[in-house]
Amino acid sequence: MQFLPIKRKKSKPPREAQTSSTQIQMRHVDQITNDIIHAAIDIHRNLGPGLLESVYESILQRQLERRGYQAERQKPVSFDYEGLHFDGGLFVDLLVEQQVVVELKSVERLAPVYGKQLLTYLRVMKLPVGLLINFGAPTIQEGLKRIVHRLPVSPESLLRVNQPPTPRTPIP
């Protein structure tokens, strides 16, 4: 038996070279949020619900740092509004790579105000996306919300929140 060399076609420049900086930023933000979600799923799978929010916060920060991300706990947020400066009036649970806000809860059920609070954090910090994660839910999937502020839709995201549902084709 004789093996012939494979002839390879000339390849196009990498897809990244053909994309805009917004698309590259979006892909990076999506990768960060996907990794945060996977870390949260692992933590919830191993520990389950019932611990204090601060415990999940410490563990999630450690997991993200092990994955190579910069994650700051209880990050104070300063902002200006109508000539007033607010210094340290807000604290986000986790700020990952200076791009993604993560708000953690350990409650039986998420109240609507939690999502609104996260959206406000995104607005004053001028960030595109945040995750609201409730470790008190029976599964992380039930306690997870991705909140978007001025971020275009990405098909690569694990979560498509605030978007119309994708039409499903009926099974024959």
N, C-alpha and C. Protein backbone atom coordinates (compact mmCIF):
# COMPACT_ATOMS: atom_id res chain seq x y z
N MET A 1 0.84 -1.16 0.00
CA MET A 1 0.00 0.00 0.00
C MET A 1 0.89 1.24 0.00
N GLN A 2 0.56 2.18 -0.86
CA GLN A 2 1.37 3.38 -0.99
C GLN A 2 0.53 4.59 -0.59
N PHE A 3 1.12 5.47 0.20
CA PHE A 3 0.44 6.68 0.63
C PHE A 3 0.91 7.85 -0.22
N LEU A 4 -0.03 8.61 -0.73
CA LEU A 4 0.30 9.78 -1.52
C LEU A 4 0.18 11.02 -0.65
N PRO A 5 1.04 12.01 -0.89
CA PRO A 5 0.93 13.23 -0.09
C PRO A 5 -0.38 13.94 -0.38
N ILE A 6 -0.91 14.57 0.63
CA ILE A 6 -2.16 15.31 0.49
C ILE A 6 -1.84 16.69 -0.04
N LYS A 7 -2.54 17.09 -1.10
CA LYS A 7 -2.36 18.43 -1.63
C LYS A 7 -3.30 19.36 -0.86
N ARG A 8 -2.74 20.40 -0.32
CA ARG A 8 -3.55 21.34 0.45
C ARG A 8 -3.82 22.58 -0.37
N LYS A 9 -5.06 23.04 -0.24
CA LYS A 9 -5.43 24.29 -0.91
C LYS A 9 -4.82 25.45 -0.16
N LYS A 10 -4.57 26.52 -0.89
CA LYS A 10 -4.10 27.73 -0.23
C LYS A 10 -5.23 28.25 0.64
N SER A 11 -4.91 28.51 1.87
CA SER A 11 -5.96 28.94 2.79
C SER A 11 -6.14 30.45 2.76
N LYS A 12 -7.33 30.85 3.12
CA LYS A 12 -7.65 32.27 3.25
C LYS A 12 -7.01 32.78 4.53
N PRO A 13 -6.87 34.10 4.66
CA PRO A 13 -6.37 34.63 5.93
C PRO A 13 -7.30 34.18 7.06
N PRO A 14 -6.76 34.07 8.27
CA PRO A 14 -7.61 33.64 9.38
C PRO A 14 -8.85 34.51 9.50
N ARG A 15 -9.93 33.88 9.95
CA ARG A 15 -11.21 34.57 10.06
C ARG A 15 -11.08 35.82 10.94
N GLU A 16 -10.25 35.75 11.97
CA GLU A 16 -10.07 36.89 12.86
C GLU A 16 -9.57 38.11 12.10
N ALA A 17 -8.75 37.88 11.07
CA ALA A 17 -8.21 38.99 10.30
C ALA A 17 -9.30 39.66 9.48
N GLN A 18 -10.39 38.96 9.22
CA GLN A 18 -11.47 39.49 8.42
C GLN A 18 -12.57 40.12 9.27
N THR A 19 -12.44 40.12 10.56
CA THR A 19 -13.49 40.62 11.42
C THR A 19 -13.14 41.99 11.98
N SER A 20 -14.18 42.69 12.40
CA SER A 20 -13.97 44.01 12.99
C SER A 20 -13.53 43.88 14.44
N SER A 21 -13.05 44.98 15.00
CA SER A 21 -12.61 44.95 16.40
C SER A 21 -13.79 44.68 17.33
N THR A 22 -15.00 45.13 16.96
CA THR A 22 -16.19 44.86 17.78
C THR A 22 -16.46 43.37 17.83
N GLN A 23 -16.33 42.69 16.67
CA GLN A 23 -16.57 41.25 16.64
C GLN A 23 -15.51 40.50 17.45
N ILE A 24 -14.27 40.98 17.40
CA ILE A 24 -13.21 40.34 18.18
C ILE A 24 -13.48 40.53 19.66
N GLN A 25 -13.86 41.77 20.05
CA GLN A 25 -14.18 42.02 21.45
C GLN A 25 -15.35 41.14 21.89
N MET A 26 -16.38 41.03 21.03
CA MET A 26 -17.55 40.22 21.34
C MET A 26 -17.15 38.76 21.56
N ARG A 27 -16.29 38.26 20.68
CA ARG A 27 -15.86 36.87 20.80
C ARG A 27 -15.10 36.68 22.10
N HIS A 28 -14.25 37.64 22.46
CA HIS A 28 -13.49 37.55 23.70
C HIS A 28 -14.43 37.58 24.91
N VAL A 29 -15.39 38.49 24.90
CA VAL A 29 -16.35 38.58 26.00
C VAL A 29 -17.17 37.30 26.09
N ASP A 30 -17.56 36.75 24.95
CA ASP A 30 -18.31 35.49 24.95
C ASP A 30 -17.47 34.36 25.53
N GLN A 31 -16.19 34.31 25.22
CA GLN A 31 -15.32 33.27 25.76
C GLN A 31 -15.20 33.41 27.27
N ILE A 32 -15.06 34.64 27.74
CA ILE A 32 -14.98 34.88 29.19
C ILE A 32 -16.26 34.41 29.86
N THR A 33 -17.42 34.84 29.34
CA THR A 33 -18.69 34.44 29.97
C THR A 33 -18.89 32.94 29.91
N ASN A 34 -18.51 32.32 28.80
CA ASN A 34 -18.64 30.86 28.71
C ASN A 34 -17.78 30.16 29.76
N ASP A 35 -16.56 30.65 29.96
CA ASP A 35 -15.67 30.04 30.96
C ASP A 35 -16.20 30.27 32.38
N ILE A 36 -16.77 31.44 32.63
CA ILE A 36 -17.38 31.70 33.95
C ILE A 36 -18.53 30.74 34.19
N ILE A 37 -19.36 30.56 33.18
CA ILE A 37 -20.51 29.65 33.30
C ILE A 37 -20.04 28.23 33.57
N HIS A 38 -19.04 27.77 32.83
CA HIS A 38 -18.54 26.40 33.04
C HIS A 38 -17.96 26.24 34.45
N ALA A 39 -17.24 27.26 34.93
CA ALA A 39 -16.69 27.19 36.29
C ALA A 39 -17.82 27.14 37.32
N ALA A 40 -18.86 27.96 37.12
CA ALA A 40 -20.00 27.97 38.05
C ALA A 40 -20.72 26.63 38.05
N ILE A 41 -20.88 26.04 36.88
CA ILE A 41 -21.52 24.71 36.79
C ILE A 41 -20.70 23.69 37.57
N ASP A 42 -19.38 23.70 37.39
CA ASP A 42 -18.52 22.75 38.11
C ASP A 42 -18.64 22.93 39.62
N ILE A 43 -18.62 24.19 40.07
CA ILE A 43 -18.73 24.47 41.51
C ILE A 43 -20.07 23.98 42.05
N HIS A 44 -21.14 24.30 41.34
CA HIS A 44 -22.48 23.91 41.80
C HIS A 44 -22.64 22.39 41.78
N ARG A 45 -22.07 21.77 40.78
CA ARG A 45 -22.16 20.31 40.67
C ARG A 45 -21.43 19.64 41.85
N ASN A 46 -20.29 20.23 42.25
CA ASN A 46 -19.50 19.63 43.33
C ASN A 46 -20.00 19.99 44.73
N LEU A 47 -20.50 21.22 44.90
CA LEU A 47 -20.90 21.67 46.24
C LEU A 47 -22.40 21.76 46.44
N GLY A 48 -23.14 21.97 45.36
CA GLY A 48 -24.59 22.11 45.46
C GLY A 48 -25.00 23.45 46.06
N PRO A 49 -26.30 23.65 46.22
CA PRO A 49 -26.80 24.89 46.81
C PRO A 49 -26.68 24.86 48.33
N GLY A 50 -26.82 26.04 48.95
CA GLY A 50 -26.89 26.07 50.40
C GLY A 50 -25.77 26.78 51.12
N LEU A 51 -24.68 27.09 50.43
CA LEU A 51 -23.59 27.80 51.09
C LEU A 51 -23.82 29.31 51.00
N LEU A 52 -23.05 30.06 51.76
CA LEU A 52 -23.15 31.51 51.71
C LEU A 52 -22.61 32.04 50.38
N GLU A 53 -23.17 33.17 49.96
CA GLU A 53 -22.73 33.82 48.72
C GLU A 53 -21.23 34.07 48.72
N SER A 54 -20.68 34.50 49.86
CA SER A 54 -19.26 34.82 49.95
C SER A 54 -18.38 33.58 49.71
N VAL A 55 -18.86 32.41 50.07
CA VAL A 55 -18.11 31.18 49.84
C VAL A 55 -18.03 30.90 48.34
N TYR A 56 -19.18 30.98 47.66
CA TYR A 56 -19.19 30.76 46.21
C TYR A 56 -18.33 31.82 45.51
N GLU A 57 -18.37 33.03 46.00
CA GLU A 57 -17.59 34.13 45.41
C GLU A 57 -16.10 33.83 45.48
N SER A 58 -15.62 33.39 46.64
CA SER A 58 -14.20 33.06 46.81
C SER A 58 -13.79 31.90 45.90
N ILE A 59 -14.62 30.89 45.87
CA ILE A 59 -14.29 29.70 45.07
C ILE A 59 -14.31 30.03 43.58
N LEU A 60 -15.31 30.80 43.13
CA LEU A 60 -15.40 31.15 41.72
C LEU A 60 -14.20 32.02 41.31
N GLN A 61 -13.82 32.95 42.17
CA GLN A 61 -12.64 33.77 41.87
C GLN A 61 -11.41 32.87 41.70
N ARG A 62 -11.21 31.95 42.60
CA ARG A 62 -10.05 31.04 42.52
C ARG A 62 -10.10 30.21 41.25
N GLN A 63 -11.27 29.68 40.90
CA GLN A 63 -11.41 28.87 39.69
C GLN A 63 -11.07 29.68 38.43
N LEU A 64 -11.54 30.93 38.39
CA LEU A 64 -11.28 31.77 37.23
C LEU A 64 -9.80 32.13 37.13
N GLU A 65 -9.17 32.40 38.26
CA GLU A 65 -7.74 32.68 38.25
C GLU A 65 -6.94 31.47 37.80
N ARG A 66 -7.37 30.28 38.18
CA ARG A 66 -6.70 29.06 37.72
C ARG A 66 -6.85 28.88 36.21
N ARG A 67 -7.92 29.44 35.66
CA ARG A 67 -8.13 29.37 34.21
C ARG A 67 -7.43 30.51 33.48
N GLY A 68 -6.69 31.32 34.23
CA GLY A 68 -5.90 32.37 33.61
C GLY A 68 -6.55 33.74 33.53
N TYR A 69 -7.66 33.92 34.22
CA TYR A 69 -8.36 35.20 34.18
C TYR A 69 -8.03 36.05 35.40
N GLN A 70 -8.06 37.37 35.20
CA GLN A 70 -7.94 38.29 36.32
C GLN A 70 -9.36 38.49 36.84
N ALA A 71 -9.58 38.18 38.11
CA ALA A 71 -10.91 38.31 38.72
C ALA A 71 -10.76 39.04 40.04
N GLU A 72 -11.46 40.18 40.17
CA GLU A 72 -11.39 40.99 41.38
C GLU A 72 -12.69 40.85 42.16
N ARG A 73 -12.57 40.57 43.46
CA ARG A 73 -13.73 40.43 44.34
C ARG A 73 -14.09 41.75 44.98
N GLN A 74 -15.40 41.97 45.16
CA GLN A 74 -15.91 43.15 45.85
C GLN A 74 -15.25 44.43 45.33
N LYS A 75 -15.26 44.54 44.02
CA LYS A 75 -14.62 45.67 43.34
C LYS A 75 -15.47 46.93 43.53
N PRO A 76 -14.90 47.99 44.14
CA PRO A 76 -15.66 49.24 44.27
C PRO A 76 -15.81 49.92 42.91
N VAL A 77 -16.97 50.52 42.70
CA VAL A 77 -17.26 51.18 41.44
C VAL A 77 -17.49 52.65 41.71
N SER A 78 -16.74 53.49 41.01
CA SER A 78 -16.92 54.93 41.09
C SER A 78 -17.58 55.40 39.81
N PHE A 79 -18.45 56.42 39.93
CA PHE A 79 -19.07 56.98 38.73
C PHE A 79 -19.53 58.40 39.01
N ASP A 80 -19.80 59.12 37.93
CA ASP A 80 -20.27 60.50 38.01
C ASP A 80 -21.68 60.58 37.45
N TYR A 81 -22.48 61.44 38.07
CA TYR A 81 -23.83 61.68 37.58
C TYR A 81 -24.20 63.12 37.87
N GLU A 82 -24.50 63.86 36.80
CA GLU A 82 -24.91 65.26 36.90
C GLU A 82 -24.01 66.08 37.82
N GLY A 83 -22.71 65.95 37.62
CA GLY A 83 -21.75 66.74 38.38
C GLY A 83 -21.42 66.19 39.75
N LEU A 84 -22.06 65.12 40.15
CA LEU A 84 -21.75 64.50 41.45
C LEU A 84 -20.86 63.29 41.22
N HIS A 85 -19.90 63.12 42.10
CA HIS A 85 -19.01 61.97 42.01
C HIS A 85 -19.34 61.00 43.14
N PHE A 86 -19.56 59.75 42.76
CA PHE A 86 -19.84 58.70 43.74
C PHE A 86 -18.65 57.76 43.76
N ASP A 87 -18.00 57.70 44.89
CA ASP A 87 -16.79 56.91 45.02
C ASP A 87 -17.05 55.74 45.96
N GLY A 88 -17.02 54.55 45.42
CA GLY A 88 -17.20 53.37 46.26
C GLY A 88 -18.62 53.17 46.77
N GLY A 89 -19.59 53.75 46.11
CA GLY A 89 -20.98 53.55 46.52
C GLY A 89 -21.54 52.23 46.06
N LEU A 90 -20.89 51.62 45.08
CA LEU A 90 -21.31 50.33 44.54
C LEU A 90 -20.14 49.35 44.64
N PHE A 91 -20.47 48.11 44.85
CA PHE A 91 -19.46 47.05 44.85
C PHE A 91 -19.99 45.90 44.02
N VAL A 92 -19.22 45.49 43.02
CA VAL A 92 -19.63 44.32 42.24
C VAL A 92 -18.96 43.09 42.86
N ASP A 93 -19.67 41.97 42.83
CA ASP A 93 -19.13 40.75 43.44
C ASP A 93 -17.82 40.34 42.77
N LEU A 94 -17.84 40.23 41.45
CA LEU A 94 -16.62 39.88 40.70
C LEU A 94 -16.56 40.72 39.43
N LEU A 95 -15.38 41.20 39.12
CA LEU A 95 -15.11 41.86 37.85
C LEU A 95 -14.03 41.03 37.17
N VAL A 96 -14.37 40.44 36.03
CA VAL A 96 -13.46 39.52 35.36
C VAL A 96 -12.86 40.20 34.13
N GLU A 97 -11.54 40.25 34.10
CA GLU A 97 -10.80 40.83 32.97
C GLU A 97 -11.23 42.27 32.67
N GLN A 98 -11.70 42.99 33.67
CA GLN A 98 -12.16 44.38 33.50
C GLN A 98 -13.26 44.50 32.45
N GLN A 99 -13.94 43.36 32.13
CA GLN A 99 -14.93 43.36 31.05
C GLN A 99 -16.28 42.77 31.43
N VAL A 100 -16.31 41.83 32.35
CA VAL A 100 -17.55 41.12 32.68
C VAL A 100 -17.83 41.25 34.17
N VAL A 101 -19.02 41.75 34.49
CA VAL A 101 -19.46 41.85 35.88
C VAL A 101 -20.20 40.56 36.22
N VAL A 102 -19.87 39.98 37.36
CA VAL A 102 -20.55 38.77 37.83
C VAL A 102 -21.16 39.09 39.19
N GLU A 103 -22.48 38.98 39.26
CA GLU A 103 -23.20 39.16 40.52
C GLU A 103 -23.67 37.79 40.97
N LEU A 104 -23.33 37.44 42.20
CA LEU A 104 -23.67 36.13 42.73
C LEU A 104 -24.77 36.24 43.77
N LYS A 105 -25.62 35.25 43.80
CA LYS A 105 -26.67 35.14 44.81
C LYS A 105 -26.70 33.69 45.29
N SER A 106 -27.22 33.53 46.49
CA SER A 106 -27.45 32.19 47.02
C SER A 106 -28.81 32.21 47.70
N VAL A 107 -29.82 32.33 46.85
CA VAL A 107 -31.20 32.46 47.33
C VAL A 107 -32.07 31.41 46.64
N GLU A 108 -33.24 31.18 47.22
CA GLU A 108 -34.13 30.18 46.64
C GLU A 108 -34.62 30.58 45.26
N ARG A 109 -34.94 31.88 45.11
CA ARG A 109 -35.48 32.37 43.85
C ARG A 109 -34.94 33.78 43.58
N LEU A 110 -34.54 34.04 42.32
CA LEU A 110 -34.04 35.36 41.96
C LEU A 110 -35.19 36.35 41.88
N ALA A 111 -35.03 37.49 42.50
CA ALA A 111 -36.00 38.58 42.39
C ALA A 111 -35.66 39.41 41.16
N PRO A 112 -36.66 40.00 40.50
CA PRO A 112 -36.40 40.81 39.31
C PRO A 112 -35.43 41.96 39.55
N VAL A 113 -35.38 42.47 40.78
CA VAL A 113 -34.49 43.61 41.07
C VAL A 113 -33.02 43.25 40.88
N TYR A 114 -32.65 41.99 41.02
CA TYR A 114 -31.25 41.60 40.86
C TYR A 114 -30.76 41.84 39.43
N GLY A 115 -31.58 41.51 38.46
CA GLY A 115 -31.22 41.76 37.06
C GLY A 115 -31.13 43.25 36.77
N LYS A 116 -32.04 44.02 37.34
CA LYS A 116 -32.02 45.47 37.15
C LYS A 116 -30.77 46.07 37.79
N GLN A 117 -30.40 45.57 38.95
CA GLN A 117 -29.20 46.04 39.63
C GLN A 117 -27.96 45.78 38.76
N LEU A 118 -27.87 44.60 38.19
CA LEU A 118 -26.73 44.26 37.34
C LEU A 118 -26.71 45.15 36.10
N LEU A 119 -27.86 45.39 35.50
CA LEU A 119 -27.92 46.26 34.33
C LEU A 119 -27.45 47.68 34.68
N THR A 120 -27.81 48.16 35.86
CA THR A 120 -27.34 49.48 36.31
C THR A 120 -25.83 49.48 36.47
N TYR A 121 -25.27 48.42 37.03
CA TYR A 121 -23.81 48.32 37.15
C TYR A 121 -23.16 48.40 35.77
N LEU A 122 -23.73 47.69 34.81
CA LEU A 122 -23.17 47.70 33.46
C LEU A 122 -23.23 49.11 32.86
N ARG A 123 -24.33 49.81 33.10
CA ARG A 123 -24.47 51.17 32.55
C ARG A 123 -23.44 52.12 33.15
N VAL A 124 -23.31 52.14 34.47
CA VAL A 124 -22.39 53.11 35.08
C VAL A 124 -20.93 52.74 34.83
N MET A 125 -20.65 51.46 34.61
CA MET A 125 -19.28 51.03 34.34
C MET A 125 -18.98 51.02 32.84
N LYS A 126 -20.03 51.23 32.03
CA LYS A 126 -19.90 51.23 30.57
C LYS A 126 -19.33 49.90 30.07
N LEU A 127 -19.89 48.83 30.59
CA LEU A 127 -19.47 47.48 30.19
C LEU A 127 -20.60 46.80 29.42
N PRO A 128 -20.26 45.85 28.55
CA PRO A 128 -21.27 45.27 27.67
C PRO A 128 -22.08 44.11 28.24
N VAL A 129 -21.53 43.37 29.18
CA VAL A 129 -22.23 42.14 29.59
C VAL A 129 -21.92 41.79 31.04
N GLY A 130 -22.91 41.18 31.68
CA GLY A 130 -22.75 40.70 33.04
C GLY A 130 -23.50 39.39 33.23
N LEU A 131 -23.11 38.65 34.24
CA LEU A 131 -23.77 37.39 34.57
C LEU A 131 -24.35 37.48 35.97
N LEU A 132 -25.57 37.06 36.10
CA LEU A 132 -26.24 36.93 37.40
C LEU A 132 -26.35 35.43 37.66
N ILE A 133 -25.66 34.97 38.69
CA ILE A 133 -25.59 33.53 38.98
C ILE A 133 -26.15 33.27 40.37
N ASN A 134 -27.17 32.43 40.43
CA ASN A 134 -27.78 32.06 41.70
C ASN A 134 -27.38 30.63 42.07
N PHE A 135 -26.48 30.52 43.04
CA PHE A 135 -26.05 29.20 43.48
C PHE A 135 -27.08 28.52 44.37
N GLY A 136 -28.14 29.23 44.74
CA GLY A 136 -29.20 28.64 45.55
C GLY A 136 -30.23 27.86 44.73
N ALA A 137 -30.17 27.98 43.42
CA ALA A 137 -31.12 27.26 42.55
C ALA A 137 -30.77 25.77 42.51
N PRO A 138 -31.76 24.93 42.21
CA PRO A 138 -31.47 23.49 42.12
C PRO A 138 -30.39 23.15 41.09
N THR A 139 -30.37 23.88 39.97
CA THR A 139 -29.31 23.74 38.98
C THR A 139 -28.85 25.14 38.58
N ILE A 140 -27.61 25.25 38.14
CA ILE A 140 -27.10 26.56 37.72
C ILE A 140 -27.88 27.08 36.52
N GLN A 141 -28.29 26.18 35.63
CA GLN A 141 -29.03 26.62 34.45
C GLN A 141 -30.30 27.37 34.85
N GLU A 142 -30.93 26.96 35.94
CA GLU A 142 -32.14 27.63 36.42
C GLU A 142 -31.82 28.97 37.09
N GLY A 143 -30.61 29.12 37.59
CA GLY A 143 -30.26 30.32 38.33
C GLY A 143 -29.28 31.21 37.60
N LEU A 144 -29.27 31.16 36.28
CA LEU A 144 -28.28 31.89 35.50
C LEU A 144 -28.95 32.84 34.53
N LYS A 145 -28.50 34.10 34.55
CA LYS A 145 -29.00 35.09 33.59
C LYS A 145 -27.81 35.86 33.05
N ARG A 146 -27.82 36.06 31.75
CA ARG A 146 -26.81 36.89 31.08
C ARG A 146 -27.49 38.20 30.73
N ILE A 147 -26.97 39.28 31.28
CA ILE A 147 -27.54 40.60 31.08
C ILE A 147 -26.63 41.36 30.12
N VAL A 148 -27.22 41.93 29.08
CA VAL A 148 -26.46 42.58 28.03
C VAL A 148 -26.79 44.06 28.00
N HIS A 149 -25.75 44.87 27.84
CA HIS A 149 -25.90 46.32 27.69
C HIS A 149 -25.03 46.76 26.52
N ARG A 150 -25.68 47.09 25.41
CA ARG A 150 -24.98 47.56 24.20
C ARG A 150 -23.95 46.56 23.68
N LEU A 151 -24.35 45.33 23.57
CA LEU A 151 -23.48 44.31 22.99
C LEU A 151 -24.24 43.64 21.86
N PRO A 152 -23.67 43.61 20.64
CA PRO A 152 -24.37 42.94 19.54
C PRO A 152 -24.56 41.46 19.83
N VAL A 153 -25.56 40.88 19.21
CA VAL A 153 -25.86 39.46 19.39
C VAL A 153 -24.73 38.63 18.80
N SER A 154 -24.34 37.59 19.52
CA SER A 154 -23.29 36.69 19.05
C SER A 154 -23.83 35.27 19.01
N PRO A 155 -23.68 34.59 17.88
CA PRO A 155 -24.14 33.20 17.82
C PRO A 155 -23.29 32.25 18.64
N GLU A 156 -22.10 32.72 19.09
CA GLU A 156 -21.18 31.85 19.83
C GLU A 156 -21.51 31.76 21.32
N SER A 157 -22.37 32.63 21.81
CA SER A 157 -22.67 32.66 23.23
C SER A 157 -23.49 31.45 23.63
N LEU A 158 -23.21 30.93 24.83
CA LEU A 158 -24.00 29.82 25.35
C LEU A 158 -25.40 30.26 25.71
N LEU A 159 -25.53 31.53 26.10
CA LEU A 159 -26.82 32.06 26.50
C LEU A 159 -27.25 33.12 25.52
N ARG A 160 -28.49 33.05 25.06
CA ARG A 160 -29.03 34.08 24.18
C ARG A 160 -30.20 34.72 24.91
N VAL A 161 -29.86 35.62 25.82
CA VAL A 161 -30.86 36.27 26.65
C VAL A 161 -31.22 37.60 26.02
N ASN A 162 -32.45 38.04 26.24
CA ASN A 162 -32.97 39.29 25.69
C ASN A 162 -33.03 39.26 24.17
N GLN A 163 -33.10 38.09 23.59
CA GLN A 163 -33.18 37.93 22.14
C GLN A 163 -34.41 37.10 21.81
N PRO A 164 -35.00 37.33 20.61
CA PRO A 164 -36.14 36.49 20.24
C PRO A 164 -35.70 35.05 20.13
N PRO A 165 -36.57 34.12 20.50
CA PRO A 165 -36.19 32.71 20.43
C PRO A 165 -35.92 32.29 18.98
N THR A 166 -34.99 31.36 18.84
CA THR A 166 -34.68 30.82 17.54
C THR A 166 -35.81 29.89 17.13
N PRO A 167 -36.35 30.07 15.90
CA PRO A 167 -37.45 29.21 15.49
C PRO A 167 -37.02 27.74 15.43
N ARG A 168 -37.88 26.89 15.89
CA ARG A 168 -37.60 25.45 15.87
C ARG A 168 -38.38 24.79 14.74
N THR A 169 -37.75 23.84 14.12
CA THR A 169 -38.45 23.11 13.09
C THR A 169 -39.14 21.93 13.72
N PRO A 170 -40.40 21.69 13.34
CA PRO A 170 -41.12 20.56 13.95
C PRO A 170 -40.51 19.22 13.54
N ILE A 171 -40.55 18.31 14.45
CA ILE A 171 -40.05 16.94 14.17
C ILE A 171 -41.15 16.18 13.47
N PRO A 172 -40.85 15.61 12.28
CA PRO A 172 -41.90 14.89 11.54
C PRO A 172 -42.30 13.60 12.21
